[in-house]
């Protein structure tokens, strides 16, 4: 990383775009407090965190996989995750309905369809009721149904005032929901601007 500086704003979807070795994942790890930058600081919601761990209710990330026994039911898994995140029951119920999981709570994790696993992963990211949401290559491996669903959910979160930051290689499927683009190349921000300025129609 070389002097990276950019902002992702509340109520907007920002795409951190670059090739597979551009450094996108490293930036996300720093934002989540998993890696510590050698210099500079990371500010979230106006507060610099330095080397301290960022609270879960400030920044949350969508997990890449569901990491628990596949024999747990979806409902048991969500309740366990909600307990860890400190999610009150009314908020958990709202997230379950928002992500269309209400009819899947008794289904074991290993019996879930791929799109339902996607819904579970997204629901887990929402449990802390975060002000900022981070997603790493969220459209990777998704079919059209999964892509349409997650893009709609991402836009809904931005409309609620959440700052959404997505790391991705160039992917035209993200264009309709994107507000701002930050282009990263070999650990350096080379361009930054609105979607209209930096992302032309195919």
C-alpha atoms as a PDB file:
ATOM      1  CA  UNK A   1       0.000   0.000   0.000  1.00  0.00           C
ATOM      2  CA  UNK A   2       1.319   3.443  -0.932  1.00  0.00           C
ATOM      3  CA  UNK A   3      -0.343   6.531   0.547  1.00  0.00           C
ATOM      4  CA  UNK A   4      -3.904   5.346   0.013  1.00  0.00           C
ATOM      5  CA  UNK A   5      -6.575   7.939   0.722  1.00  0.00           C
ATOM      6  CA  UNK A   6     -10.244   7.727  -0.207  1.00  0.00           C
ATOM      7  CA  UNK A   7     -13.679   8.077   1.363  1.00  0.00           C
ATOM      8  CA  UNK A   8     -16.840   5.964   1.285  1.00  0.00           C
ATOM      9  CA  UNK A   9     -19.885   8.006   2.237  1.00  0.00           C
ATOM     10  CA  UNK A  10     -23.064   7.192   4.122  1.00  0.00           C
ATOM     11  CA  UNK A  11     -25.974   6.409   1.864  1.00  0.00           C
ATOM     12  CA  UNK A  12     -23.742   5.607  -1.103  1.00  0.00           C
ATOM     13  CA  UNK A  13     -22.304   2.489  -2.715  1.00  0.00           C
ATOM     14  CA  UNK A  14     -18.571   2.822  -3.323  1.00  0.00           C
ATOM     15  CA  UNK A  15     -16.750   0.252  -5.444  1.00  0.00           C
ATOM     16  CA  UNK A  16     -13.038  -0.254  -4.784  1.00  0.00           C
ATOM     17  CA  UNK A  17     -12.067  -1.537  -8.207  1.00  0.00           C
ATOM     18  CA  UNK A  18      -8.862  -3.188  -9.339  1.00  0.00           C
ATOM     19  CA  UNK A  19      -7.209  -6.314 -10.677  1.00  0.00           C
ATOM     20  CA  UNK A  20      -6.875  -9.401  -8.492  1.00  0.00           C
ATOM     21  CA  UNK A  21      -3.466  -8.272  -7.172  1.00  0.00           C
ATOM     22  CA  UNK A  22      -4.249  -4.567  -6.777  1.00  0.00           C
ATOM     23  CA  UNK A  23      -4.424  -4.707  -2.969  1.00  0.00           C
ATOM     24  CA  UNK A  24      -8.186  -4.506  -2.495  1.00  0.00           C
ATOM     25  CA  UNK A  25      -8.435  -7.222   0.141  1.00  0.00           C
ATOM     26  CA  UNK A  26      -5.546  -5.709   2.101  1.00  0.00           C
ATOM     27  CA  UNK A  27      -7.392  -2.384   2.221  1.00  0.00           C
ATOM     28  CA  UNK A  28     -10.533  -4.111   3.497  1.00  0.00           C
ATOM     29  CA  UNK A  29      -8.564  -5.931   6.183  1.00  0.00           C
ATOM     30  CA  UNK A  30      -7.168  -2.604   7.365  1.00  0.00           C
ATOM     31  CA  UNK A  31     -10.646  -1.100   7.467  1.00  0.00           C
ATOM     32  CA  UNK A  32     -11.804  -4.013   9.612  1.00  0.00           C
ATOM     33  CA  UNK A  33      -8.828  -3.701  11.954  1.00  0.00           C
ATOM     34  CA  UNK A  34      -7.420  -7.088  10.902  1.00  0.00           C
ATOM     35  CA  UNK A  35      -4.248  -5.512   9.484  1.00  0.00           C
ATOM     36  CA  UNK A  36      -2.567  -2.379  10.843  1.00  0.00           C
ATOM     37  CA  UNK A  37      -1.184   0.243   8.437  1.00  0.00           C
ATOM     38  CA  UNK A  38       2.430   1.331   8.932  1.00  0.00           C
ATOM     39  CA  UNK A  39       1.376   4.979   8.952  1.00  0.00           C
ATOM     40  CA  UNK A  40      -1.716   7.145   8.709  1.00  0.00           C
ATOM     41  CA  UNK A  41      -5.091   6.411  10.259  1.00  0.00           C
ATOM     42  CA  UNK A  42      -8.471   4.985   9.405  1.00  0.00           C
ATOM     43  CA  UNK A  43     -11.517   7.036  10.342  1.00  0.00           C
ATOM     44  CA  UNK A  44     -15.012   5.620  10.428  1.00  0.00           C
ATOM     45  CA  UNK A  45     -18.023   7.869  11.006  1.00  0.00           C
ATOM     46  CA  UNK A  46     -15.607  10.681  11.810  1.00  0.00           C
ATOM     47  CA  UNK A  47     -13.714   8.765  14.485  1.00  0.00           C
ATOM     48  CA  UNK A  48     -10.079   7.669  13.980  1.00  0.00           C
ATOM     49  CA  UNK A  49      -9.426   4.146  15.224  1.00  0.00           C
ATOM     50  CA  UNK A  50      -5.666   3.861  14.828  1.00  0.00           C
ATOM     51  CA  UNK A  51      -4.611   0.446  16.134  1.00  0.00           C
ATOM     52  CA  UNK A  52      -7.808  -0.230  18.108  1.00  0.00           C
ATOM     53  CA  UNK A  53     -10.397  -2.739  16.890  1.00  0.00           C
ATOM     54  CA  UNK A  54     -13.370  -1.109  15.208  1.00  0.00           C
ATOM     55  CA  UNK A  55     -16.662  -1.960  16.968  1.00  0.00           C
ATOM     56  CA  UNK A  56     -18.934  -4.402  15.140  1.00  0.00           C
ATOM     57  CA  UNK A  57     -21.838  -1.954  15.124  1.00  0.00           C
ATOM     58  CA  UNK A  58     -19.721   0.579  13.226  1.00  0.00           C
ATOM     59  CA  UNK A  59     -18.301  -1.599  10.442  1.00  0.00           C
ATOM     60  CA  UNK A  60     -19.440  -5.085   9.459  1.00  0.00           C
ATOM     61  CA  UNK A  61     -18.371  -7.389   6.640  1.00  0.00           C
ATOM     62  CA  UNK A  62     -20.266 -10.053   4.748  1.00  0.00           C
ATOM     63  CA  UNK A  63     -18.579 -13.396   5.510  1.00  0.00           C
ATOM     64  CA  UNK A  64     -17.281 -15.422   2.588  1.00  0.00           C
ATOM     65  CA  UNK A  65     -18.717 -18.642   4.007  1.00  0.00           C
ATOM     66  CA  UNK A  66     -20.849 -20.044   6.810  1.00  0.00           C
ATOM     67  CA  UNK A  67     -18.424 -21.463   9.361  1.00  0.00           C
ATOM     68  CA  UNK A  68     -20.228 -23.808  11.721  1.00  0.00           C
ATOM     69  CA  UNK A  69     -21.523 -27.369  11.673  1.00  0.00           C
ATOM     70  CA  UNK A  70     -23.604 -27.847   8.507  1.00  0.00           C
ATOM     71  CA  UNK A  71     -26.088 -29.834  10.590  1.00  0.00           C
ATOM     72  CA  UNK A  72     -27.277 -26.749  12.477  1.00  0.00           C
ATOM     73  CA  UNK A  73     -30.532 -25.266  11.267  1.00  0.00           C
ATOM     74  CA  UNK A  74     -30.499 -21.840   9.662  1.00  0.00           C
ATOM     75  CA  UNK A  75     -32.499 -20.437  12.572  1.00  0.00           C
ATOM     76  CA  UNK A  76     -30.167 -21.854  15.230  1.00  0.00           C
ATOM     77  CA  UNK A  77     -27.148 -20.499  13.382  1.00  0.00           C
ATOM     78  CA  UNK A  78     -28.657 -17.020  13.043  1.00  0.00           C
ATOM     79  CA  UNK A  79     -29.649 -16.911  16.710  1.00  0.00           C
ATOM     80  CA  UNK A  80     -26.106 -17.917  17.714  1.00  0.00           C
ATOM     81  CA  UNK A  81     -24.629 -15.216  15.492  1.00  0.00           C
ATOM     82  CA  UNK A  82     -27.148 -12.665  16.777  1.00  0.00           C
ATOM     83  CA  UNK A  83     -26.198 -13.446  20.377  1.00  0.00           C
ATOM     84  CA  UNK A  84     -22.527 -12.884  19.532  1.00  0.00           C
ATOM     85  CA  UNK A  85     -23.348  -9.616  17.735  1.00  0.00           C
ATOM     86  CA  UNK A  86     -25.626  -8.346  20.502  1.00  0.00           C
ATOM     87  CA  UNK A  87     -28.589  -8.146  18.140  1.00  0.00           C
ATOM     88  CA  UNK A  88     -31.939  -7.543  19.876  1.00  0.00           C
ATOM     89  CA  UNK A  89     -34.757  -9.923  18.930  1.00  0.00           C
ATOM     90  CA  UNK A  90     -36.869  -7.307  17.069  1.00  0.00           C
ATOM     91  CA  UNK A  91     -33.898  -6.407  14.854  1.00  0.00           C
ATOM     92  CA  UNK A  92     -33.147 -10.089  14.210  1.00  0.00           C
ATOM     93  CA  UNK A  93     -36.764 -10.676  13.180  1.00  0.00           C
ATOM     94  CA  UNK A  94     -36.586  -7.694  10.823  1.00  0.00           C
ATOM     95  CA  UNK A  95     -33.380  -8.947   9.223  1.00  0.00           C
ATOM     96  CA  UNK A  96     -34.835 -12.431   8.762  1.00  0.00           C
ATOM     97  CA  UNK A  97     -37.797 -10.997   6.862  1.00  0.00           C
ATOM     98  CA  UNK A  98     -35.675  -8.491   4.944  1.00  0.00           C
ATOM     99  CA  UNK A  99     -33.463 -11.293   3.664  1.00  0.00           C
ATOM    100  CA  UNK A 100     -36.411 -13.629   2.997  1.00  0.00           C
ATOM    101  CA  UNK A 101     -35.248 -16.334   5.389  1.00  0.00           C
ATOM    102  CA  UNK A 102     -38.447 -16.692   7.429  1.00  0.00           C
ATOM    103  CA  UNK A 103     -39.447 -19.947   5.705  1.00  0.00           C
ATOM    104  CA  UNK A 104     -35.968 -21.485   5.949  1.00  0.00           C
ATOM    105  CA  UNK A 105     -35.271 -21.336   9.678  1.00  0.00           C
ATOM    106  CA  UNK A 106     -35.753 -25.071  10.232  1.00  0.00           C
ATOM    107  CA  UNK A 107     -33.660 -26.080   7.211  1.00  0.00           C
ATOM    108  CA  UNK A 108     -30.197 -27.446   7.983  1.00  0.00           C
ATOM    109  CA  UNK A 109     -27.320 -25.403   6.626  1.00  0.00           C
ATOM    110  CA  UNK A 110     -26.080 -28.176   4.349  1.00  0.00           C
ATOM    111  CA  UNK A 111     -29.522 -28.403   2.721  1.00  0.00           C
ATOM    112  CA  UNK A 112     -29.727 -24.713   1.795  1.00  0.00           C
ATOM    113  CA  UNK A 113     -29.695 -23.756  -1.877  1.00  0.00           C
ATOM    114  CA  UNK A 114     -26.797 -21.510  -2.991  1.00  0.00           C
ATOM    115  CA  UNK A 115     -28.986 -18.399  -3.086  1.00  0.00           C
ATOM    116  CA  UNK A 116     -30.207 -19.151   0.446  1.00  0.00           C
ATOM    117  CA  UNK A 117     -26.608 -19.445   1.664  1.00  0.00           C
ATOM    118  CA  UNK A 118     -26.065 -16.005   0.111  1.00  0.00           C
ATOM    119  CA  UNK A 119     -29.057 -14.677   2.052  1.00  0.00           C
ATOM    120  CA  UNK A 120     -27.644 -16.143   5.259  1.00  0.00           C
ATOM    121  CA  UNK A 121     -24.253 -14.515   4.678  1.00  0.00           C
ATOM    122  CA  UNK A 122     -25.872 -11.146   4.025  1.00  0.00           C
ATOM    123  CA  UNK A 123     -28.126 -11.461   7.070  1.00  0.00           C
ATOM    124  CA  UNK A 124     -25.083 -12.163   9.262  1.00  0.00           C
ATOM    125  CA  UNK A 125     -23.441  -8.962   8.005  1.00  0.00           C
ATOM    126  CA  UNK A 126     -26.522  -6.962   9.024  1.00  0.00           C
ATOM    127  CA  UNK A 127     -26.817  -8.364  12.561  1.00  0.00           C
ATOM    128  CA  UNK A 128     -24.693  -5.639  14.239  1.00  0.00           C
ATOM    129  CA  UNK A 129     -26.859  -2.969  12.513  1.00  0.00           C
ATOM    130  CA  UNK A 130     -23.669  -1.407  11.117  1.00  0.00           C
ATOM    131  CA  UNK A 131     -23.137   2.116   9.862  1.00  0.00           C
ATOM    132  CA  UNK A 132     -20.763   0.797   7.196  1.00  0.00           C
ATOM    133  CA  UNK A 133     -20.918  -2.488   5.297  1.00  0.00           C
ATOM    134  CA  UNK A 134     -17.895  -4.060   3.593  1.00  0.00           C
ATOM    135  CA  UNK A 135     -18.150  -6.712   0.889  1.00  0.00           C
ATOM    136  CA  UNK A 136     -15.311  -8.490  -0.930  1.00  0.00           C
ATOM    137  CA  UNK A 137     -16.216  -9.692  -4.445  1.00  0.00           C
ATOM    138  CA  UNK A 138     -19.898 -10.235  -3.529  1.00  0.00           C
ATOM    139  CA  UNK A 139     -20.925 -11.243  -7.067  1.00  0.00           C
ATOM    140  CA  UNK A 140     -18.244 -13.860  -7.509  1.00  0.00           C
ATOM    141  CA  UNK A 141     -19.720 -17.249  -8.571  1.00  0.00           C
ATOM    142  CA  UNK A 142     -23.307 -15.907  -8.468  1.00  0.00           C
ATOM    143  CA  UNK A 143     -25.866 -16.697 -11.142  1.00  0.00           C
ATOM    144  CA  UNK A 144     -28.340 -14.109 -12.417  1.00  0.00           C
ATOM    145  CA  UNK A 145     -30.841 -14.778  -9.629  1.00  0.00           C
ATOM    146  CA  UNK A 146     -28.230 -14.372  -6.906  1.00  0.00           C
ATOM    147  CA  UNK A 147     -26.766 -11.291  -8.578  1.00  0.00           C
ATOM    148  CA  UNK A 148     -30.145  -9.583  -8.847  1.00  0.00           C
ATOM    149  CA  UNK A 149     -30.994 -10.379  -5.232  1.00  0.00           C
ATOM    150  CA  UNK A 150     -27.753  -9.161  -3.664  1.00  0.00           C
ATOM    151  CA  UNK A 151     -27.631  -6.017  -5.823  1.00  0.00           C
ATOM    152  CA  UNK A 152     -31.156  -5.104  -4.731  1.00  0.00           C
ATOM    153  CA  UNK A 153     -30.231  -5.660  -1.078  1.00  0.00           C
ATOM    154  CA  UNK A 154     -27.047  -3.591  -1.374  1.00  0.00           C
ATOM    155  CA  UNK A 155     -28.996  -0.681  -2.832  1.00  0.00           C
ATOM    156  CA  UNK A 156     -31.591  -0.940  -0.057  1.00  0.00           C
ATOM    157  CA  UNK A 157     -28.880  -0.685   2.592  1.00  0.00           C
ATOM    158  CA  UNK A 158     -27.416   2.408   0.954  1.00  0.00           C
ATOM    159  CA  UNK A 159     -30.888   3.942   0.793  1.00  0.00           C
ATOM    160  CA  UNK A 160     -31.145   3.355   4.569  1.00  0.00           C
ATOM    161  CA  UNK A 161     -28.046   5.511   5.031  1.00  0.00           C
ATOM    162  CA  UNK A 162     -25.437   2.755   5.312  1.00  0.00           C
ATOM    163  CA  UNK A 163     -22.043   3.361   3.701  1.00  0.00           C
ATOM    164  CA  UNK A 164     -21.444   0.340   1.460  1.00  0.00           C
ATOM    165  CA  UNK A 165     -17.906  -0.424   0.262  1.00  0.00           C
ATOM    166  CA  UNK A 166     -17.462  -3.200  -2.298  1.00  0.00           C
ATOM    167  CA  UNK A 167     -14.091  -4.530  -3.442  1.00  0.00           C
ATOM    168  CA  UNK A 168     -14.319  -6.002  -6.915  1.00  0.00           C
ATOM    169  CA  UNK A 169     -12.556  -6.557 -10.171  1.00  0.00           C
ATOM    170  CA  UNK A 170     -14.265  -4.625 -13.000  1.00  0.00           C
ATOM    171  CA  UNK A 171     -17.765  -6.104 -13.196  1.00  0.00           C
ATOM    172  CA  UNK A 172     -20.506  -4.427 -15.212  1.00  0.00           C
ATOM    173  CA  UNK A 173     -23.177  -6.089 -13.062  1.00  0.00           C
ATOM    174  CA  UNK A 174     -22.288  -3.689 -10.246  1.00  0.00           C
ATOM    175  CA  UNK A 175     -22.602  -0.555 -12.343  1.00  0.00           C
ATOM    176  CA  UNK A 176     -26.355   0.094 -11.866  1.00  0.00           C
ATOM    177  CA  UNK A 177     -26.083   0.195  -8.059  1.00  0.00           C
ATOM    178  CA  UNK A 178     -22.754   2.044  -7.838  1.00  0.00           C
ATOM    179  CA  UNK A 179     -22.473   5.696  -6.822  1.00  0.00           C
ATOM    180  CA  UNK A 180     -18.710   6.181  -6.526  1.00  0.00           C
ATOM    181  CA  UNK A 181     -15.645   4.372  -7.854  1.00  0.00           C
ATOM    182  CA  UNK A 182     -12.113   4.164  -6.439  1.00  0.00           C
ATOM    183  CA  UNK A 183      -9.599   2.547  -8.795  1.00  0.00           C
ATOM    184  CA  UNK A 184      -6.705   0.765  -7.105  1.00  0.00           C
ATOM    185  CA  UNK A 185      -3.577  -0.379  -8.931  1.00  0.00           C
ATOM    186  CA  UNK A 186      -0.581  -2.028  -7.260  1.00  0.00           C
ATOM    187  CA  UNK A 187      -1.485  -0.633  -3.860  1.00  0.00           C
ATOM    188  CA  UNK A 188      -2.110   2.927  -5.057  1.00  0.00           C
ATOM    189  CA  UNK A 189      -5.322   4.853  -5.710  1.00  0.00           C
ATOM    190  CA  UNK A 190      -5.019   5.980  -9.333  1.00  0.00           C
ATOM    191  CA  UNK A 191      -8.527   7.357  -9.911  1.00  0.00           C
ATOM    192  CA  UNK A 192     -11.505   8.353  -7.798  1.00  0.00           C
ATOM    193  CA  UNK A 193     -14.844   9.811  -8.780  1.00  0.00           C
ATOM    194  CA  UNK A 194     -18.500   9.226  -9.489  1.00  0.00           C
ATOM    195  CA  UNK A 195     -19.788   6.287 -11.482  1.00  0.00           C
ATOM    196  CA  UNK A 196     -20.594   8.562 -14.409  1.00  0.00           C
ATOM    197  CA  UNK A 197     -17.065   9.935 -14.471  1.00  0.00           C
ATOM    198  CA  UNK A 198     -15.159   6.662 -14.235  1.00  0.00           C
ATOM    199  CA  UNK A 199     -17.442   3.843 -15.328  1.00  0.00           C
ATOM    200  CA  UNK A 200     -18.715   4.127 -18.855  1.00  0.00           C
ATOM    201  CA  UNK A 201     -21.574   2.097 -20.264  1.00  0.00           C
ATOM    202  CA  UNK A 202     -20.537  -1.163 -21.929  1.00  0.00           C
END
